[in-house]
Amino acid sequence: MTCQVILEFKAKPDAIEDVRSFLRGTLPDTRGYVGCVGLHVSQNQDDPTAFVIVAQWDSREIYETYLQGRVDSGTMDKLGDMLDGETTIRFFNYSGV
């Protein structure tokens, strides 16, 4: 069963465009990672610092392996420097409803 992964984070107000540029440069590799079924980024209309990434992965384990690779490479630290507060990651199964 596939896993829906939802990441929510806020950019520092002066780093919104830097975050957008970072995601444009980084996410093509993510979309090509074995096990990534699809990924979409949304930006809040009322609070442009707020972003949501909704991704579908073949499994949570595959996503967690991918994420650990991003941590190990320093990619997540680069993103974290542009963010305000913590990133929230939630995992969902499709309910079949």
N, C-alpha and C. Protein backbone atom coordinates (compact mmCIF):
# COMPACT_ATOMS: atom_id res chain seq x y z
N MET A 1 0.85 -1.18 0.00
CA MET A 1 0.00 0.00 0.00
C MET A 1 0.89 1.24 0.00
N THR A 2 0.54 2.24 -0.80
CA THR A 2 1.31 3.47 -0.85
C THR A 2 1.07 4.31 0.40
N CYS A 3 1.98 5.23 0.62
CA CYS A 3 1.95 6.09 1.79
C CYS A 3 1.88 7.54 1.33
N GLN A 4 0.96 8.30 1.90
CA GLN A 4 0.87 9.73 1.64
C GLN A 4 1.70 10.44 2.70
N VAL A 5 2.63 11.28 2.27
CA VAL A 5 3.49 12.03 3.19
C VAL A 5 3.17 13.51 3.02
N ILE A 6 2.89 14.17 4.15
CA ILE A 6 2.57 15.59 4.12
C ILE A 6 3.58 16.33 4.99
N LEU A 7 4.31 17.24 4.36
CA LEU A 7 5.29 18.08 5.06
C LEU A 7 4.75 19.50 5.09
N GLU A 8 4.83 20.12 6.24
CA GLU A 8 4.41 21.51 6.38
C GLU A 8 5.55 22.28 7.02
N PHE A 9 5.84 23.46 6.47
CA PHE A 9 6.90 24.29 7.02
C PHE A 9 6.67 25.74 6.64
N LYS A 10 7.37 26.63 7.36
CA LYS A 10 7.29 28.06 7.08
C LYS A 10 8.68 28.57 6.75
N ALA A 11 8.75 29.35 5.70
CA ALA A 11 10.00 30.02 5.33
C ALA A 11 10.16 31.28 6.19
N LYS A 12 11.39 31.65 6.43
CA LYS A 12 11.63 32.97 7.01
C LYS A 12 11.10 33.99 6.01
N PRO A 13 10.48 35.07 6.48
CA PRO A 13 9.88 36.04 5.56
C PRO A 13 10.83 36.54 4.47
N ASP A 14 12.10 36.68 4.79
CA ASP A 14 13.05 37.19 3.79
C ASP A 14 13.65 36.07 2.94
N ALA A 15 13.18 34.83 3.13
CA ALA A 15 13.75 33.70 2.40
C ALA A 15 12.72 32.96 1.53
N ILE A 16 11.56 33.55 1.32
CA ILE A 16 10.51 32.87 0.55
C ILE A 16 11.00 32.49 -0.84
N GLU A 17 11.59 33.41 -1.55
CA GLU A 17 12.06 33.11 -2.91
C GLU A 17 13.25 32.14 -2.88
N ASP A 18 14.06 32.22 -1.85
CA ASP A 18 15.17 31.26 -1.71
C ASP A 18 14.63 29.85 -1.52
N VAL A 19 13.58 29.70 -0.73
CA VAL A 19 12.96 28.38 -0.53
C VAL A 19 12.38 27.88 -1.85
N ARG A 20 11.67 28.74 -2.56
CA ARG A 20 11.09 28.33 -3.84
C ARG A 20 12.19 27.88 -4.81
N SER A 21 13.28 28.62 -4.87
CA SER A 21 14.40 28.27 -5.75
C SER A 21 15.04 26.96 -5.30
N PHE A 22 15.22 26.79 -4.01
CA PHE A 22 15.79 25.56 -3.47
C PHE A 22 14.92 24.35 -3.85
N LEU A 23 13.61 24.49 -3.69
CA LEU A 23 12.71 23.38 -4.03
C LEU A 23 12.74 23.09 -5.52
N ARG A 24 12.77 24.13 -6.36
CA ARG A 24 12.85 23.92 -7.81
C ARG A 24 14.11 23.15 -8.18
N GLY A 25 15.21 23.41 -7.48
CA GLY A 25 16.46 22.74 -7.78
C GLY A 25 16.57 21.34 -7.19
N THR A 26 15.87 21.09 -6.11
CA THR A 26 16.01 19.83 -5.37
C THR A 26 14.94 18.80 -5.73
N LEU A 27 13.74 19.24 -5.94
CA LEU A 27 12.63 18.28 -6.08
C LEU A 27 12.62 17.45 -7.36
N PRO A 28 13.25 17.88 -8.46
CA PRO A 28 13.32 16.95 -9.60
C PRO A 28 14.01 15.64 -9.23
N ASP A 29 15.07 15.72 -8.41
CA ASP A 29 15.73 14.49 -7.96
C ASP A 29 14.81 13.65 -7.08
N THR A 30 14.04 14.34 -6.24
CA THR A 30 13.10 13.63 -5.37
C THR A 30 12.06 12.90 -6.21
N ARG A 31 11.51 13.60 -7.19
CA ARG A 31 10.49 12.98 -8.04
C ARG A 31 11.04 11.77 -8.81
N GLY A 32 12.35 11.77 -9.07
CA GLY A 32 12.98 10.67 -9.79
C GLY A 32 13.47 9.55 -8.88
N TYR A 33 13.37 9.73 -7.58
CA TYR A 33 13.84 8.73 -6.63
C TYR A 33 12.94 7.49 -6.72
N VAL A 34 13.56 6.33 -6.76
CA VAL A 34 12.79 5.08 -6.84
C VAL A 34 11.86 4.99 -5.63
N GLY A 35 10.58 4.85 -5.88
CA GLY A 35 9.59 4.77 -4.81
C GLY A 35 8.75 6.01 -4.65
N CYS A 36 9.19 7.13 -5.26
CA CYS A 36 8.37 8.35 -5.23
C CYS A 36 7.36 8.27 -6.36
N VAL A 37 6.10 8.20 -6.00
CA VAL A 37 5.02 8.08 -6.98
C VAL A 37 4.62 9.44 -7.53
N GLY A 38 4.66 10.45 -6.68
CA GLY A 38 4.29 11.80 -7.10
C GLY A 38 4.49 12.78 -5.97
N LEU A 39 4.61 14.07 -6.32
CA LEU A 39 4.89 15.08 -5.32
C LEU A 39 4.39 16.42 -5.81
N HIS A 40 3.71 17.15 -4.93
CA HIS A 40 3.19 18.48 -5.26
C HIS A 40 3.52 19.45 -4.14
N VAL A 41 3.85 20.67 -4.50
CA VAL A 41 4.14 21.72 -3.53
C VAL A 41 3.06 22.79 -3.64
N SER A 42 2.55 23.22 -2.49
CA SER A 42 1.57 24.31 -2.45
C SER A 42 2.07 25.38 -1.50
N GLN A 43 1.71 26.62 -1.83
CA GLN A 43 2.06 27.77 -0.99
C GLN A 43 0.78 28.45 -0.57
N ASN A 44 0.66 28.75 0.71
CA ASN A 44 -0.56 29.33 1.28
C ASN A 44 -0.85 30.70 0.67
N GLN A 45 -2.07 30.91 0.22
CA GLN A 45 -2.45 32.19 -0.39
C GLN A 45 -2.47 33.32 0.62
N ASP A 46 -2.83 33.02 1.87
CA ASP A 46 -2.96 34.05 2.89
C ASP A 46 -1.67 34.27 3.68
N ASP A 47 -0.78 33.30 3.65
CA ASP A 47 0.51 33.39 4.35
C ASP A 47 1.58 32.80 3.44
N PRO A 48 2.19 33.61 2.60
CA PRO A 48 3.14 33.09 1.61
C PRO A 48 4.39 32.45 2.22
N THR A 49 4.58 32.55 3.53
CA THR A 49 5.71 31.86 4.15
C THR A 49 5.39 30.38 4.38
N ALA A 50 4.11 30.00 4.30
CA ALA A 50 3.69 28.63 4.63
C ALA A 50 3.63 27.77 3.37
N PHE A 51 4.30 26.63 3.43
CA PHE A 51 4.36 25.67 2.33
C PHE A 51 3.87 24.31 2.81
N VAL A 52 3.29 23.57 1.87
CA VAL A 52 2.90 22.18 2.11
C VAL A 52 3.40 21.35 0.93
N ILE A 53 4.06 20.26 1.25
CA ILE A 53 4.45 19.29 0.22
C ILE A 53 3.63 18.03 0.48
N VAL A 54 2.90 17.62 -0.55
CA VAL A 54 2.13 16.38 -0.48
C VAL A 54 2.77 15.41 -1.46
N ALA A 55 3.22 14.28 -0.93
CA ALA A 55 3.91 13.30 -1.76
C ALA A 55 3.32 11.92 -1.54
N GLN A 56 3.38 11.12 -2.57
CA GLN A 56 2.95 9.73 -2.47
C GLN A 56 4.19 8.87 -2.71
N TRP A 57 4.42 7.93 -1.80
CA TRP A 57 5.57 7.03 -1.86
C TRP A 57 5.08 5.59 -1.83
N ASP A 58 5.89 4.70 -2.38
CA ASP A 58 5.52 3.29 -2.37
C ASP A 58 5.38 2.76 -0.95
N SER A 59 6.18 3.31 -0.01
CA SER A 59 6.06 2.91 1.40
C SER A 59 6.70 3.98 2.28
N ARG A 60 6.35 3.97 3.54
CA ARG A 60 6.96 4.88 4.50
C ARG A 60 8.45 4.59 4.63
N GLU A 61 8.80 3.33 4.61
CA GLU A 61 10.21 2.95 4.75
C GLU A 61 11.06 3.52 3.62
N ILE A 62 10.53 3.49 2.40
CA ILE A 62 11.27 4.05 1.26
C ILE A 62 11.44 5.56 1.46
N TYR A 63 10.38 6.24 1.89
CA TYR A 63 10.47 7.67 2.14
C TYR A 63 11.51 7.96 3.22
N GLU A 64 11.48 7.19 4.31
CA GLU A 64 12.41 7.44 5.40
C GLU A 64 13.86 7.21 4.97
N THR A 65 14.08 6.24 4.09
CA THR A 65 15.43 6.02 3.55
C THR A 65 15.85 7.21 2.69
N TYR A 66 14.94 7.68 1.84
CA TYR A 66 15.19 8.87 1.03
C TYR A 66 15.53 10.06 1.93
N LEU A 67 14.70 10.31 2.95
CA LEU A 67 14.89 11.46 3.82
C LEU A 67 16.24 11.37 4.55
N GLN A 68 16.61 10.20 5.02
CA GLN A 68 17.89 10.05 5.70
C GLN A 68 19.04 10.39 4.76
N GLY A 69 18.92 10.03 3.51
CA GLY A 69 19.93 10.41 2.53
C GLY A 69 20.05 11.91 2.39
N ARG A 70 18.90 12.60 2.41
CA ARG A 70 18.91 14.07 2.32
C ARG A 70 19.53 14.68 3.59
N VAL A 71 19.28 14.07 4.73
CA VAL A 71 19.89 14.54 5.98
C VAL A 71 21.40 14.34 5.92
N ASP A 72 21.81 13.14 5.54
CA ASP A 72 23.24 12.80 5.50
C ASP A 72 24.02 13.68 4.53
N SER A 73 23.38 14.10 3.44
CA SER A 73 24.07 14.92 2.44
C SER A 73 24.13 16.40 2.81
N GLY A 74 23.41 16.79 3.87
CA GLY A 74 23.38 18.19 4.27
C GLY A 74 22.28 19.00 3.62
N THR A 75 21.52 18.37 2.74
CA THR A 75 20.45 19.08 2.03
C THR A 75 19.41 19.63 3.00
N MET A 76 19.05 18.84 4.00
CA MET A 76 18.03 19.30 4.94
C MET A 76 18.54 20.46 5.80
N ASP A 77 19.83 20.49 6.10
CA ASP A 77 20.39 21.62 6.85
C ASP A 77 20.31 22.90 6.02
N LYS A 78 20.57 22.79 4.72
CA LYS A 78 20.49 23.97 3.85
C LYS A 78 19.06 24.52 3.83
N LEU A 79 18.09 23.62 3.72
CA LEU A 79 16.70 24.06 3.75
C LEU A 79 16.36 24.63 5.11
N GLY A 80 16.78 23.94 6.16
CA GLY A 80 16.46 24.37 7.52
C GLY A 80 16.95 25.78 7.83
N ASP A 81 18.06 26.18 7.23
CA ASP A 81 18.58 27.54 7.44
C ASP A 81 17.63 28.61 6.92
N MET A 82 16.75 28.22 5.99
CA MET A 82 15.82 29.18 5.39
C MET A 82 14.45 29.16 6.05
N LEU A 83 14.26 28.24 7.01
CA LEU A 83 12.93 28.04 7.60
C LEU A 83 12.80 28.70 8.96
N ASP A 84 11.55 28.98 9.29
CA ASP A 84 11.20 29.57 10.57
C ASP A 84 10.38 28.54 11.33
N GLY A 85 10.95 27.95 12.36
CA GLY A 85 10.24 26.94 13.13
C GLY A 85 10.52 25.54 12.63
N GLU A 86 9.77 24.61 13.17
CA GLU A 86 9.95 23.19 12.86
C GLU A 86 9.14 22.77 11.64
N THR A 87 9.64 21.75 10.97
CA THR A 87 8.91 21.11 9.87
C THR A 87 8.07 19.99 10.46
N THR A 88 6.82 19.91 10.03
CA THR A 88 5.94 18.83 10.46
C THR A 88 5.84 17.81 9.32
N ILE A 89 6.03 16.54 9.66
CA ILE A 89 5.88 15.46 8.68
C ILE A 89 4.83 14.50 9.23
N ARG A 90 3.81 14.25 8.40
CA ARG A 90 2.75 13.30 8.80
C ARG A 90 2.62 12.25 7.72
N PHE A 91 2.24 11.05 8.14
CA PHE A 91 2.12 9.90 7.25
C PHE A 91 0.67 9.40 7.27
N PHE A 92 0.14 9.13 6.08
CA PHE A 92 -1.25 8.67 5.96
C PHE A 92 -1.33 7.47 5.05
N ASN A 93 -2.26 6.59 5.34
CA ASN A 93 -2.67 5.54 4.43
C ASN A 93 -3.94 5.98 3.73
N TYR A 94 -4.13 5.55 2.51
CA TYR A 94 -5.38 5.83 1.83
C TYR A 94 -6.48 4.99 2.46
N SER A 95 -7.60 5.60 2.72
CA SER A 95 -8.67 4.94 3.45
C SER A 95 -9.55 4.06 2.57
N GLY A 96 -9.49 4.29 1.27
CA GLY A 96 -10.34 3.51 0.37
C GLY A 96 -11.79 3.98 0.34
N VAL A 97 -12.04 5.11 0.92
CA VAL A 97 -13.42 5.65 0.96
C VAL A 97 -13.66 6.47 -0.29
